[in-house]
Structure formats: structure tokens, C-alpha cells
């Protein structure tokens, strides 16, 4: 039984309590490793290590910081297959998906910010009052990075890469549901020669690890990705302490399909945007709105392709839909499928899936497609975060805009049309931080990433992230 270790002050160490939590393989429903049940004592040690390391790391030349991050990225690429299998076992996602998306993106995150920091520029202003102002961008200090379970290494590196590149030190908490690749990353950091205390990884439950990091007076900056309820709790703590905070939270994203779309492309991409990673992506288009004269044709084609998706063992190459992350999350998703039917919806396909053999006790759900619901019902307003979509018809632009913008969330939206004027008009009116037109999840790491309303506060990505992880300081010189 593998025991995962904390990574504090450059060393792999057990929790102070010497107590551990069970870590389940979602595909088989059995414990396969043990997670440190860390607490405030581990957090205190990690923060102190990060605080001491900050005095040195913040003064290390950008080129040297860049070289170390690039070395870690090289090691991720070297261990690509090992990490992909580890991510699949820990999360339940298909190993093919982990190998194609999660692990390559983890190394890409590190490479992007390792090079971006070399080109990060400040501003200068010559004034009429015979003075020059220039702006310094200084690292903030010890950074709290809390990442979710759906894209474990992908989103873990998305946070730590810009924080470290900018000269901050980090105390990070990966999700206790998917800690394994963060543990493997800590080993790579040791191998790469990352100085002790620059990155510290503390494993454990949110209330015993995450909250103490957020509350710690020596941690002035917080980057969190996860659920909106937890985000509200973090904001309530960080606000009175005047901590710099970035929150990337939930989504209930619309996928709007007009009758002039490229039909085959709209259907195939909508399958992907609905059920990729078992629907456990905050950007998934869980509410599909189809123009009325295309509605029946779309539903028929969409449901037919959904039924053909292979739900199976995540370690098999042919699997398109793997296991949900936990038994509790599977039960939550199933409860929403039941709720949808109680609200008057028709379940066209999907529901609990029982596999045989190795995965007979795994947490599987066949992708669910539901029609006949009102746009304002709970199923269409609350984030489910699983392989469940609803399909609704619309007749007018104003009508679908109202439907799309009706939730408390505003993370992303997808729009399918060949009408260029309509595309721009709709993009302007949709209340979402990210708009994809005739595509989905086509990412450019230079662009700002984040949502409106209860989908979060602030933006990540590109220069936005490096600005967030630095403090501007203006210097005025009278000539």
C-alpha cells in the first residue's frame, strides 16, 4: 500500500499526526493508497519553510527560476506515461485522455510561465511636470494554491507555475480525492533541484489543511479553483484580512446551436463538450439550446452518438467515459438525474452503469440526456458536474440570451452559427468570461481565463496571472 508523503522544505515527510486517509481508485471502488491526514502543525511548518525560502527565491534571477521550471517540465515529459496512468487510477478518467490532455498541459503550463517571466515588462511614464514614473512588479510572498480533483496535475501546475515564476514561494493543497500526481510532482521537484521551501505540498482535508493555509497571517495571496460554496468561505476569510484573492469557481454553461450551424461539427463537438472527462469540467456545456427548426434533428443525432459512447475501464484505450471521482459524487449526480425526472424531464438515455470484471464496484454513470425541462428548474440552474446534459428548443435570439444568462454562473458559453454578425452580437450579450464560437475548449494560454457572477473573481492566464502574483510599486523621480 503506497503511502503518499507531504513535500515540505524540500523533503518528502509524513504528517505530524502520522495518521492517513484512504485514497480510492474510482474504477474499482477500492483503496489503493494512503493520504497524509495533515493538520495545522504541518501547515505551520510548510508556511515557515516558504517564508524563509521567499527571502532567497524572490531574489533569484528570472532566468534561473525559468531554468528550474523548464527542468521540471522536462521531467514531466520524461515520465509522461507513468503520470498518465497515475492520473487515470487516481481520478477515474480514461488513461488516453490523461495522456493526451492532462499531462501534456501540465508541462505546457510550466514551460509557458518559465518563458513568460523572461518577457514580463513594467511600465514607464514621462510626465509634463519634469518627472519619470516607472513601475516595479515585485513578488507578493507566500502563496496559497488550492487545486481541484477534476484535472489534478493540469490545474495544480496552472497555479504554481506563474506563482513560482514570478518569484513567490508556494504552500499548495491538492484535492484529497486526487493527490497522487501532486505527490509524484514533488519527487520531480527534488530531482530538478528546486530549492527547499520554494514549493511545499500539504495533503489532507480542506478543513484541516486548506482553511489553516487560507487563515495563516503569513500568507498574503490565495489562488483557489473549486466549488462556489468553498469559494464563498475563502472570500469571507480573506476579505477581512485584505488578502489578494483569485477564485475560479463553478459553471452552468450554455451551448447555443443555431440552424445555420455546421451540423455534423456541432453535434460531434457538443458530445465532447458535454461528456469529456465524465462531464467533470467546469467548462462543460451542460445546457444545450437548439433553434426550434433544427431541434428534432439535433436531438436524434446527438442521442444516437451518446448511446455509442464506450463507458468502461479507464485503463483501456477504447474507453471514452471513465469512472466518476468518488461514490459520493456518483450519488450526487444520480440524484440530479432523478430530480430532473421529478421536475418533468424525459430521460432519453443514461443513468447508473454496472460494469463486470475488474470494474464491477466502480463509480460509473452512462451519459444522460434529458429533454422537456423548463430553463428555470433546479436541474438547469444548479451545477451537477457530471455526465448530464439537458436539451431545450428556442425560437428567438432574445429568448435564448435570457435562458443562457439566467443562472448564477457565468464561466463560459459556446455558440454555433455561420452568421458572422450574429456571432459577434451574441458574444457581446452573453454574460460569460469565455465565449467559444464554432469550437469548444480551444485554449490559448495567453488569454484571460475566469468567469462572471458566482463563477469567480479575477482572471488567470497569460499576463493576467503574472500581474496577480506580483504587486505593482510605482517609483516617481523628479528630473
Protein backbone atom coordinates (compact mmCIF):
# COMPACT_ATOMS: atom_id res chain seq x y z
CA UNK A 1 0.00 0.00 0.00
CA UNK A 2 1.61 3.24 -1.20
CA UNK A 3 1.84 5.99 1.42
CA UNK A 4 1.80 9.46 -0.06
CA UNK A 5 4.10 11.99 1.62
CA UNK A 6 3.92 15.70 2.20
CA UNK A 7 6.60 17.81 0.50
CA UNK A 8 7.87 20.41 2.96
CA UNK A 9 11.16 22.31 2.93
CA UNK A 10 12.46 20.19 0.08
CA UNK A 11 11.82 16.85 1.78
CA UNK A 12 9.21 14.11 1.50
CA UNK A 13 7.85 13.79 5.02
CA UNK A 14 4.97 12.03 6.83
CA UNK A 15 2.24 14.06 8.53
CA UNK A 16 2.97 15.15 12.09
CA UNK A 17 -0.04 13.14 13.26
CA UNK A 18 1.23 10.01 11.48
CA UNK A 19 -2.42 9.45 10.55
CA UNK A 20 -3.59 8.72 7.00
CA UNK A 21 -6.77 8.86 4.92
CA UNK A 22 -7.89 6.22 2.42
CA UNK A 23 -7.42 7.02 -1.26
CA UNK A 24 -9.81 5.15 -3.57
CA UNK A 25 -9.39 4.01 -7.15
CA UNK A 26 -12.80 5.12 -8.56
CA UNK A 27 -12.79 2.47 -11.28
CA UNK A 28 -12.73 -0.42 -8.82
CA UNK A 29 -14.10 1.22 -5.67
CA UNK A 30 -11.15 0.09 -3.53
CA UNK A 31 -8.42 1.79 -1.51
CA UNK A 32 -5.09 1.72 -3.29
CA UNK A 33 -3.02 4.30 -1.40
CA UNK A 34 -2.96 6.37 1.79
CA UNK A 35 -3.06 10.17 2.04
CA UNK A 36 -1.49 12.18 4.87
CA UNK A 37 -4.16 13.37 7.32
CA UNK A 38 -2.28 16.62 7.84
CA UNK A 39 -3.30 19.42 10.17
CA UNK A 40 -2.30 22.89 11.39
CA UNK A 41 1.10 21.63 12.54
CA UNK A 42 2.05 20.56 9.02
CA UNK A 43 0.68 23.81 7.61
CA UNK A 44 2.69 25.85 10.12
CA UNK A 45 5.89 24.02 9.13
CA UNK A 46 5.16 24.50 5.41
CA UNK A 47 4.39 28.21 5.74
CA UNK A 48 7.51 28.84 7.81
CA UNK A 49 9.61 26.98 5.23
CA UNK A 50 8.04 29.00 2.41
CA UNK A 51 8.51 32.28 4.30
CA UNK A 52 12.21 31.60 4.84
CA UNK A 53 12.71 30.46 1.24
CA UNK A 54 10.99 33.58 -0.10
CA UNK A 55 13.84 35.78 1.05
CA UNK A 56 16.15 33.92 -1.34
CA UNK A 57 13.82 32.77 -4.16
CA UNK A 58 12.43 36.28 -4.70
CA UNK A 59 15.97 37.48 -5.41
CA UNK A 60 16.91 34.63 -7.74
CA UNK A 61 17.30 35.95 -11.33
CA UNK A 62 14.33 35.26 -13.58
CA UNK A 63 16.50 33.23 -15.92
CA UNK A 64 17.48 30.87 -13.10
CA UNK A 65 13.86 30.45 -11.99
CA UNK A 66 12.95 29.80 -15.62
CA UNK A 67 15.65 27.13 -15.98
CA UNK A 68 14.41 25.22 -12.94
CA UNK A 69 10.77 25.28 -14.08
CA UNK A 70 11.83 24.10 -17.53
CA UNK A 71 13.75 21.23 -15.93
CA UNK A 72 10.60 20.16 -14.04
CA UNK A 73 8.67 20.31 -17.32
CA UNK A 74 11.31 18.10 -18.96
CA UNK A 75 10.91 15.55 -16.18
CA UNK A 76 7.12 15.56 -16.58
CA UNK A 77 7.58 14.82 -20.27
CA UNK A 78 10.05 12.06 -19.46
CA UNK A 79 7.57 10.43 -17.06
CA UNK A 80 4.56 11.09 -19.28
CA UNK A 81 3.25 7.52 -19.33
CA UNK A 82 3.73 6.94 -15.61
CA UNK A 83 1.91 10.18 -14.78
CA UNK A 84 -0.94 9.47 -17.21
CA UNK A 85 -1.60 6.06 -15.67
CA UNK A 86 -1.36 7.54 -12.16
CA UNK A 87 -3.87 10.27 -13.06
CA UNK A 88 -6.27 7.72 -14.53
CA UNK A 89 -6.12 5.46 -11.48
CA UNK A 90 -6.48 8.34 -9.04
CA UNK A 91 -9.27 10.22 -10.83
CA UNK A 92 -11.12 7.60 -12.88
CA UNK A 93 -10.63 9.38 -16.21
CA UNK A 94 -9.62 7.40 -19.31
CA UNK A 95 -5.86 6.96 -19.46
CA UNK A 96 -5.97 8.01 -23.10
CA UNK A 97 -7.47 11.36 -22.07
CA UNK A 98 -4.88 11.84 -19.32
CA UNK A 99 -2.10 11.08 -21.76
CA UNK A 100 -3.46 13.36 -24.47
CA UNK A 101 -4.62 16.31 -22.36
CA UNK A 102 -3.75 16.37 -18.65
CA UNK A 103 -0.07 15.52 -18.60
CA UNK A 104 0.98 17.46 -21.73
CA UNK A 105 -0.87 20.50 -20.40
CA UNK A 106 0.93 20.22 -17.05
CA UNK A 107 4.34 20.52 -18.69
CA UNK A 108 3.00 23.21 -21.05
CA UNK A 109 1.89 25.31 -18.07
CA UNK A 110 5.39 25.22 -16.62
CA UNK A 111 7.05 25.98 -19.95
CA UNK A 112 4.68 28.84 -20.70
CA UNK A 113 5.34 30.71 -17.45
CA UNK A 114 9.02 29.78 -17.36
CA UNK A 115 9.42 31.69 -20.62
CA UNK A 116 6.77 34.36 -19.99
CA UNK A 117 8.62 35.65 -16.93
CA UNK A 118 11.61 36.42 -19.16
CA UNK A 119 9.46 38.82 -21.20
CA UNK A 120 7.30 40.31 -18.45
CA UNK A 121 7.70 44.10 -18.73
CA UNK A 122 6.89 47.01 -16.46
CA UNK A 123 5.68 50.47 -17.44
CA UNK A 124 7.31 53.91 -17.53
CA UNK A 125 5.63 57.32 -17.87
CA UNK A 126 7.30 60.64 -18.66
CA UNK A 127 5.19 63.45 -17.23
CA UNK A 128 4.83 67.15 -18.09
CA UNK A 129 5.98 68.00 -14.56
CA UNK A 130 9.57 67.04 -15.42
CA UNK A 131 9.39 63.64 -13.80
CA UNK A 132 9.59 59.98 -14.78
CA UNK A 133 7.42 57.31 -13.21
CA UNK A 134 8.31 53.67 -13.55
CA UNK A 135 6.53 50.64 -12.14
CA UNK A 136 8.22 47.73 -10.42
CA UNK A 137 6.48 44.36 -10.22
CA UNK A 138 7.54 42.52 -7.08
CA UNK A 139 6.61 39.01 -5.90
CA UNK A 140 3.99 39.07 -3.15
CA UNK A 141 5.24 36.41 -0.73
CA UNK A 142 3.98 33.02 0.42
CA UNK A 143 1.18 31.96 -1.90
CA UNK A 144 -1.70 29.61 -1.08
CA UNK A 145 -2.61 27.45 -4.10
CA UNK A 146 -5.60 25.11 -3.75
CA UNK A 147 -6.46 22.97 -6.76
CA UNK A 148 -9.44 20.68 -7.54
CA UNK A 149 -9.85 16.99 -8.28
CA UNK A 150 -11.15 17.05 -11.85
CA UNK A 151 -7.90 17.95 -13.66
CA UNK A 152 -5.41 17.28 -10.86
CA UNK A 153 -1.91 17.88 -12.26
CA UNK A 154 -3.19 20.11 -15.09
CA UNK A 155 -4.73 22.67 -12.70
CA UNK A 156 -2.12 22.21 -9.96
CA UNK A 157 0.63 23.36 -12.34
CA UNK A 158 -1.66 26.07 -13.77
CA UNK A 159 -1.44 27.73 -10.33
CA UNK A 160 2.06 27.01 -9.10
CA UNK A 161 3.83 27.79 -12.40
CA UNK A 162 3.06 31.55 -12.55
CA UNK A 163 3.40 31.90 -8.76
CA UNK A 164 6.89 30.40 -8.76
CA UNK A 165 7.94 32.09 -11.99
CA UNK A 166 7.08 35.49 -10.52
CA UNK A 167 9.32 34.83 -7.51
CA UNK A 168 6.78 33.79 -4.90
CA UNK A 169 7.03 30.68 -2.77
CA UNK A 170 4.04 28.35 -2.50
CA UNK A 171 2.15 26.28 0.03
CA UNK A 172 -0.17 24.12 -2.06
CA UNK A 173 -3.02 21.78 -1.24
CA UNK A 174 -4.17 19.36 -3.94
CA UNK A 175 -7.58 17.76 -3.56
CA UNK A 176 -7.63 14.91 -1.06
CA UNK A 177 -9.59 12.93 -3.67
CA UNK A 178 -6.78 13.04 -6.24
CA UNK A 179 -3.41 13.63 -4.53
CA UNK A 180 -1.22 11.17 -6.36
CA UNK A 181 0.23 13.16 -9.28
CA UNK A 182 1.00 16.11 -6.99
CA UNK A 183 2.98 13.63 -4.87
CA UNK A 184 4.82 12.39 -7.96
CA UNK A 185 5.48 16.01 -8.94
CA UNK A 186 7.10 16.64 -5.56
CA UNK A 187 9.59 13.88 -6.34
CA UNK A 188 10.37 15.52 -9.68
CA UNK A 189 10.92 18.86 -7.92
CA UNK A 190 13.55 17.22 -5.71
CA UNK A 191 15.20 15.72 -8.79
CA UNK A 192 15.12 19.06 -10.62
CA UNK A 193 16.90 20.83 -7.77
CA UNK A 194 14.11 23.17 -6.75
CA UNK A 195 15.47 24.89 -3.61
CA UNK A 196 13.96 23.74 -0.29
CA UNK A 197 10.85 25.59 0.80
CA UNK A 198 10.09 27.16 -2.58
CA UNK A 199 7.21 24.74 -3.18
CA UNK A 200 5.51 22.94 -0.28
CA UNK A 201 2.69 20.44 -0.81
CA UNK A 202 0.50 19.59 2.17
CA UNK A 203 -2.07 16.81 1.70
CA UNK A 204 -5.27 16.34 3.64
CA UNK A 205 -8.82 17.50 4.19
CA UNK A 206 -9.99 21.01 3.40
CA UNK A 207 -10.99 21.96 6.94
CA UNK A 208 -7.72 20.70 8.44
CA UNK A 209 -5.31 21.89 5.73
CA UNK A 210 -6.94 24.27 3.25
CA UNK A 211 -8.60 26.53 5.80
CA UNK A 212 -5.49 26.90 8.01
CA UNK A 213 -3.43 27.92 4.96
CA UNK A 214 -6.05 30.49 3.97
CA UNK A 215 -6.23 31.82 7.53
CA UNK A 216 -2.47 31.98 8.12
CA UNK A 217 -1.32 35.59 8.67
CA UNK A 218 1.93 35.00 6.74
CA UNK A 219 0.06 34.00 3.56
CA UNK A 220 -0.97 37.24 1.78
CA UNK A 221 -2.24 35.78 -1.51
CA UNK A 222 -4.67 32.96 -2.38
CA UNK A 223 -5.42 31.20 -5.66
CA UNK A 224 -8.31 28.73 -5.48
CA UNK A 225 -10.13 26.61 -8.03
CA UNK A 226 -13.13 24.60 -6.86
CA UNK A 227 -16.74 24.80 -5.79
CA UNK A 228 -18.63 28.05 -5.29
CA UNK A 229 -19.59 27.21 -1.70
CA UNK A 230 -15.94 26.77 -0.71
CA UNK A 231 -15.05 29.90 -2.66
CA UNK A 232 -17.54 31.92 -0.59
CA UNK A 233 -15.97 30.58 2.59
CA UNK A 234 -12.48 31.53 1.40
CA UNK A 235 -13.66 35.03 0.43
CA UNK A 236 -15.22 35.52 3.87
CA UNK A 237 -11.85 34.74 5.48
CA UNK A 238 -9.60 36.53 3.01
CA UNK A 239 -11.65 39.74 2.76
CA UNK A 240 -11.25 40.99 6.34
CA UNK A 241 -7.56 40.02 6.23
CA UNK A 242 -7.08 42.01 2.96
CA UNK A 243 -5.55 39.05 1.18
CA UNK A 244 -5.15 39.16 -2.58
CA UNK A 245 -7.55 36.51 -3.89
CA UNK A 246 -8.32 34.75 -7.17
CA UNK A 247 -11.32 32.40 -7.21
CA UNK A 248 -12.16 30.17 -10.19
CA UNK A 249 -15.47 28.56 -9.26
CA UNK A 250 -18.41 26.71 -10.79
CA UNK A 251 -20.20 26.86 -14.12
CA UNK A 252 -23.54 26.02 -15.71
CA UNK A 253 -22.54 26.73 -19.26
CA UNK A 254 -24.87 27.21 -22.24
CA UNK A 255 -24.21 25.60 -25.62
CA UNK A 256 -26.29 27.52 -28.20
CA UNK A 257 -26.88 25.93 -31.61
CA UNK A 258 -28.47 27.86 -34.47
CA UNK A 259 -29.96 26.15 -37.50
CA UNK A 260 -27.31 27.60 -39.83
CA UNK A 261 -24.50 25.80 -37.99
CA UNK A 262 -22.14 23.21 -39.43
CA UNK A 263 -24.42 20.43 -38.19
CA UNK A 264 -22.01 17.49 -38.07
CA UNK A 265 -19.34 19.57 -36.34
CA UNK A 266 -21.84 20.99 -33.86
CA UNK A 267 -23.08 17.53 -32.90
CA UNK A 268 -19.67 15.88 -32.55
CA UNK A 269 -18.14 18.78 -30.62
CA UNK A 270 -21.21 19.00 -28.38
CA UNK A 271 -20.71 15.35 -27.46
CA UNK A 272 -17.17 16.25 -26.44
CA UNK A 273 -18.14 19.44 -24.59
CA UNK A 274 -20.89 17.61 -22.72
CA UNK A 275 -19.14 14.44 -21.59
CA UNK A 276 -15.38 14.91 -21.77
CA UNK A 277 -13.76 13.86 -18.50
CA UNK A 278 -17.16 12.40 -17.47
CA UNK A 279 -18.61 15.92 -17.57
CA UNK A 280 -16.35 16.79 -14.65
CA UNK A 281 -15.00 20.00 -16.18
CA UNK A 282 -16.23 23.42 -15.09
CA UNK A 283 -16.34 24.43 -18.78
CA UNK A 284 -18.64 21.62 -19.97
CA UNK A 285 -21.73 22.78 -21.87
CA UNK A 286 -24.39 21.20 -19.68
CA UNK A 287 -27.33 23.22 -21.07
CA UNK A 288 -27.85 22.78 -24.82
CA UNK A 289 -30.19 25.21 -26.58
CA UNK A 290 -31.15 24.33 -30.16
CA UNK A 291 -33.05 26.54 -32.62
CA UNK A 292 -36.53 25.10 -32.99
CA UNK A 293 -36.42 24.09 -36.66
CA UNK A 294 -33.24 22.06 -36.01
CA UNK A 295 -34.27 20.71 -32.61
CA UNK A 296 -35.64 17.26 -33.50
CA UNK A 297 -32.86 16.51 -35.96
CA UNK A 298 -30.22 17.52 -33.43
CA UNK A 299 -31.73 15.51 -30.57
CA UNK A 300 -31.92 12.37 -32.72
CA UNK A 301 -28.32 12.66 -33.92
CA UNK A 302 -26.96 13.68 -30.52
CA UNK A 303 -28.67 10.87 -28.58
CA UNK A 304 -27.57 8.34 -31.17
CA UNK A 305 -23.93 9.30 -30.73
CA UNK A 306 -24.22 9.42 -26.94
CA UNK A 307 -25.54 5.86 -26.88
CA UNK A 308 -22.48 4.79 -28.87
CA UNK A 309 -20.00 6.16 -26.31
CA UNK A 310 -17.99 3.43 -24.61
CA UNK A 311 -18.29 3.53 -20.83
CA UNK A 312 -15.63 1.29 -19.37
CA UNK A 313 -12.35 0.59 -17.64
CA UNK A 314 -10.30 3.83 -17.69
CA UNK A 315 -7.12 1.87 -18.36
CA UNK A 316 -8.45 0.51 -21.67
CA UNK A 317 -7.68 2.58 -24.78
CA UNK A 318 -11.19 2.28 -26.22
CA UNK A 319 -12.90 3.85 -23.22
CA UNK A 320 -14.49 7.28 -23.82
CA UNK A 321 -16.21 7.69 -20.43
CA UNK A 322 -14.49 6.52 -17.27
CA UNK A 323 -15.48 6.46 -13.61
CA UNK A 324 -16.69 9.40 -11.56
CA UNK A 325 -14.24 10.55 -8.93
CA UNK A 326 -15.97 9.12 -5.84
CA UNK A 327 -19.01 7.20 -4.65
CA UNK A 328 -20.38 10.35 -3.03
CA UNK A 329 -20.09 12.32 -6.26
CA UNK A 330 -21.68 9.50 -8.26
CA UNK A 331 -24.62 9.50 -5.86
CA UNK A 332 -24.95 13.29 -6.16
CA UNK A 333 -25.08 13.09 -9.97
CA UNK A 334 -27.62 10.26 -9.87
CA UNK A 335 -29.78 12.33 -7.52
CA UNK A 336 -29.92 15.09 -10.14
CA UNK A 337 -30.95 12.62 -12.83
CA UNK A 338 -33.80 11.59 -10.52
CA UNK A 339 -34.64 15.23 -9.77
CA UNK A 340 -34.81 16.04 -13.48
CA UNK A 341 -37.47 13.37 -13.97
CA UNK A 342 -39.39 14.60 -10.92
CA UNK A 343 -39.33 18.09 -12.48
CA UNK A 344 -41.00 16.71 -15.60
CA UNK A 345 -37.99 15.90 -17.72
CA UNK A 346 -37.69 12.91 -20.05
CA UNK A 347 -34.53 10.80 -19.72
CA UNK A 348 -33.70 9.80 -23.31
CA UNK A 349 -30.60 7.82 -22.37
CA UNK A 350 -28.19 7.35 -19.49
CA UNK A 351 -28.08 6.56 -15.80
CA UNK A 352 -26.13 4.28 -13.49
CA UNK A 353 -23.87 1.82 -15.27
CA UNK A 354 -22.82 -1.52 -13.78
CA UNK A 355 -19.67 -2.99 -15.28
CA UNK A 356 -18.38 -6.50 -14.90
CA UNK A 357 -14.96 -7.89 -14.10
CA UNK A 358 -12.31 -5.62 -12.60
CA UNK A 359 -14.60 -2.58 -12.54
CA UNK A 360 -17.76 -4.18 -11.13
CA UNK A 361 -17.60 -1.99 -8.00
CA UNK A 362 -16.56 1.22 -9.77
CA UNK A 363 -18.43 4.54 -9.84
CA UNK A 364 -19.83 4.67 -13.37
CA UNK A 365 -22.72 6.58 -14.95
CA UNK A 366 -23.75 6.27 -18.59
CA UNK A 367 -24.03 9.81 -20.06
CA UNK A 368 -27.55 11.15 -19.53
CA UNK A 369 -29.56 13.30 -21.96
CA UNK A 370 -32.73 14.97 -20.67
CA UNK A 371 -35.41 16.94 -22.53
CA UNK A 372 -38.68 18.58 -21.59
CA UNK A 373 -37.44 20.79 -18.77
CA UNK A 374 -38.04 24.49 -18.13
CA UNK A 375 -34.97 26.73 -18.21
CA UNK A 376 -35.51 27.87 -14.62
CA UNK A 377 -35.83 24.44 -12.94
CA UNK A 378 -33.21 23.28 -10.47
CA UNK A 379 -31.69 20.84 -12.95
CA UNK A 380 -30.99 23.76 -15.29
CA UNK A 381 -29.86 26.18 -12.60
CA UNK A 382 -27.58 24.15 -10.32
CA UNK A 383 -24.15 22.80 -11.19
CA UNK A 384 -24.22 18.99 -11.48
CA UNK A 385 -20.61 18.48 -12.63
CA UNK A 386 -21.16 15.11 -14.20
CA UNK A 387 -22.22 13.39 -17.45
CA UNK A 388 -25.67 15.01 -17.58
CA UNK A 389 -26.99 17.47 -20.18
CA UNK A 390 -30.37 18.97 -20.94
CA UNK A 391 -31.57 19.97 -24.41
CA UNK A 392 -34.14 22.75 -24.94
CA UNK A 393 -35.55 24.43 -28.06
CA UNK A 394 -35.65 28.19 -28.70
CA UNK A 395 -37.06 30.43 -31.43
CA UNK A 396 -35.52 33.90 -30.98
CA UNK A 397 -32.14 35.34 -30.07
CA UNK A 398 -33.58 37.36 -27.19
CA UNK A 399 -35.20 34.21 -25.82
CA UNK A 400 -32.01 32.13 -25.82
CA UNK A 401 -29.98 35.00 -24.39
CA UNK A 402 -32.41 35.14 -21.48
CA UNK A 403 -32.13 31.36 -20.98
CA UNK A 404 -28.33 31.41 -21.24
CA UNK A 405 -27.86 34.27 -18.78
CA UNK A 406 -30.47 33.06 -16.28
CA UNK A 407 -28.16 31.17 -13.91
CA UNK A 408 -26.00 32.45 -11.06
CA UNK A 409 -22.94 31.38 -13.06
CA UNK A 410 -21.07 32.98 -15.94
CA UNK A 411 -17.96 30.99 -16.77
CA UNK A 412 -18.18 30.02 -20.44
CA UNK A 413 -20.59 29.78 -23.36
CA UNK A 414 -20.44 28.06 -26.73
CA UNK A 415 -22.17 29.34 -29.87
CA UNK A 416 -22.71 27.56 -33.19
CA UNK A 417 -23.59 29.69 -36.23
CA UNK A 418 -22.18 30.56 -39.65
CA UNK A 419 -23.63 34.09 -39.38
CA UNK A 420 -20.68 36.33 -38.50
CA UNK A 421 -22.80 39.30 -37.44
CA UNK A 422 -24.93 37.13 -35.18
CA UNK A 423 -21.82 35.56 -33.65
CA UNK A 424 -20.43 38.96 -32.63
CA UNK A 425 -23.82 40.19 -31.44
CA UNK A 426 -24.42 37.12 -29.27
CA UNK A 427 -20.89 37.11 -27.89
CA UNK A 428 -21.38 40.70 -26.74
CA UNK A 429 -24.63 39.88 -24.91
CA UNK A 430 -23.69 36.58 -23.24
CA UNK A 431 -22.65 37.08 -19.61
CA UNK A 432 -19.71 34.69 -19.57
CA UNK A 433 -16.00 35.17 -19.13
CA UNK A 434 -15.16 32.92 -22.10
CA UNK A 435 -17.08 32.61 -25.38
CA UNK A 436 -16.28 29.86 -27.88
CA UNK A 437 -17.72 30.24 -31.39
CA UNK A 438 -17.89 27.07 -33.51
CA UNK A 439 -15.46 25.30 -31.15
CA UNK A 440 -15.01 24.30 -27.52
CA UNK A 441 -12.03 24.30 -25.16
CA UNK A 442 -9.75 25.71 -27.83
CA UNK A 443 -7.29 27.26 -25.38
CA UNK A 444 -4.55 29.82 -25.78
CA UNK A 445 -2.55 30.19 -22.57
CA UNK A 446 -2.04 33.90 -23.25
CA UNK A 447 -5.73 34.74 -22.89
CA UNK A 448 -7.52 35.75 -19.66
CA UNK A 449 -9.37 32.85 -18.03
CA UNK A 450 -12.17 33.22 -15.49
CA UNK A 451 -15.87 33.86 -15.03
CA UNK A 452 -18.54 36.35 -14.05
CA UNK A 453 -21.09 36.29 -11.22
CA UNK A 454 -20.70 33.24 -8.97
CA UNK A 455 -18.21 31.67 -11.37
CA UNK A 456 -15.43 33.54 -9.68
CA UNK A 457 -13.34 36.60 -9.01
CA UNK A 458 -10.33 37.66 -11.06
CA UNK A 459 -8.63 36.17 -14.11
CA UNK A 460 -5.82 33.72 -14.65
CA UNK A 461 -3.73 33.01 -17.73
CA UNK A 462 -1.12 34.99 -19.64
CA UNK A 463 -0.05 38.34 -18.23
CA UNK A 464 -3.16 38.33 -16.01
CA UNK A 465 -1.63 35.58 -13.87
CA UNK A 466 1.76 37.26 -13.60
CA UNK A 467 0.07 40.53 -12.64
CA UNK A 468 -1.95 38.71 -9.99
CA UNK A 469 1.12 37.06 -8.50
CA UNK A 470 3.03 40.37 -8.29
CA UNK A 471 2.48 43.69 -6.55
CA UNK A 472 2.96 46.89 -8.56
CA UNK A 473 5.15 49.56 -7.00
CA UNK A 474 5.39 52.97 -8.63
CA UNK A 475 8.61 54.98 -8.38
CA UNK A 476 8.50 58.68 -9.25
CA UNK A 477 11.74 60.57 -9.99
CA UNK A 478 11.76 64.34 -10.41
CA UNK A 479 14.22 65.36 -13.10
